Amino acid sequence: MIVRLRQPRREVTVRGGRVAHRVLEDLGLAPAGHLIIRNGTLVPSDTMLDDDDVIEVRPVVSGG
């Protein structure tokens, strides 16, 4: 699967067949601090991802 990261901007290829939060953890990212977008749709962190998916990882930003 292709993983597109925003900060820092890069693209990596990883194997699928795992839940989204595990992919983030393997990349050294905290699942609670990131949004996962699969093929253009926001998905929960317990979503199973496949080899043919393209996901984008965006950091959660909040402000007041």
Protein backbone atom coordinates (compact mmCIF):
# COMPACT_ATOMS: atom_id res chain seq x y z
CA MET A 1 0.00 0.00 0.00
CA ILE A 2 1.08 3.57 -0.55
CA VAL A 3 1.17 5.84 2.50
CA ARG A 4 1.35 9.58 1.91
CA LEU A 5 2.53 11.58 4.90
CA ARG A 6 2.07 15.32 5.31
CA GLN A 7 4.67 16.20 7.95
CA PRO A 8 7.30 15.68 6.79
CA ARG A 9 5.94 15.36 3.25
CA ARG A 10 6.93 11.94 1.95
CA GLU A 11 5.49 8.79 0.42
CA VAL A 12 6.32 5.26 1.54
CA THR A 13 5.20 1.81 0.48
CA VAL A 14 4.26 -0.68 3.20
CA ARG A 15 2.53 -4.04 3.20
CA GLY A 16 -1.22 -4.17 3.75
CA GLY A 17 -3.33 -6.73 5.57
CA ARG A 18 -3.12 -4.80 8.84
CA VAL A 19 -5.32 -2.40 10.75
CA ALA A 20 -4.66 1.29 10.19
CA HIS A 21 -3.38 2.05 13.69
CA ARG A 22 -0.74 -0.68 13.35
CA VAL A 23 0.54 0.92 10.13
CA LEU A 24 0.86 4.26 11.93
CA GLU A 25 2.65 2.67 14.88
CA ASP A 26 5.09 0.92 12.52
CA LEU A 27 5.87 4.33 11.00
CA GLY A 28 6.52 5.78 14.46
CA LEU A 29 3.31 7.84 14.50
CA ALA A 30 0.80 8.11 17.34
CA PRO A 31 -2.61 6.91 16.08
CA ALA A 32 -4.46 9.33 18.39
CA GLY A 33 -2.70 12.27 16.78
CA HIS A 34 -3.39 11.44 13.13
CA LEU A 35 -6.28 11.14 10.67
CA ILE A 36 -6.28 8.29 8.17
CA ILE A 37 -7.78 8.83 4.74
CA ARG A 38 -8.14 5.75 2.53
CA ASN A 39 -8.82 6.25 -1.15
CA GLY A 40 -10.26 9.71 -0.36
CA THR A 41 -12.45 8.66 2.61
CA LEU A 42 -11.74 9.23 6.32
CA VAL A 43 -11.57 5.86 8.13
CA PRO A 44 -11.34 4.83 11.81
CA SER A 45 -8.01 3.54 13.12
CA ASP A 46 -9.35 -0.03 13.45
CA THR A 47 -10.02 -0.29 9.68
CA MET A 48 -8.30 -3.19 7.90
CA LEU A 49 -6.08 -1.91 5.08
CA ASP A 50 -5.17 -3.85 1.93
CA ASP A 51 -2.10 -3.89 -0.30
CA ASP A 52 -3.89 -1.96 -3.05
CA ASP A 53 -5.01 0.92 -0.78
CA VAL A 54 -3.62 4.42 -0.96
CA ILE A 55 -3.78 6.18 2.39
CA GLU A 56 -2.99 9.71 3.40
CA VAL A 57 -1.96 10.47 6.97
CA ARG A 58 -2.68 13.94 8.32
CA PRO A 59 -1.79 15.22 11.77
CA VAL A 60 -4.70 16.30 13.95
CA VAL A 61 -4.69 20.07 14.42
CA SER A 62 -6.76 21.93 16.97
CA GLY A 63 -6.92 25.50 18.07
CA GLY A 64 -8.99 27.91 19.95
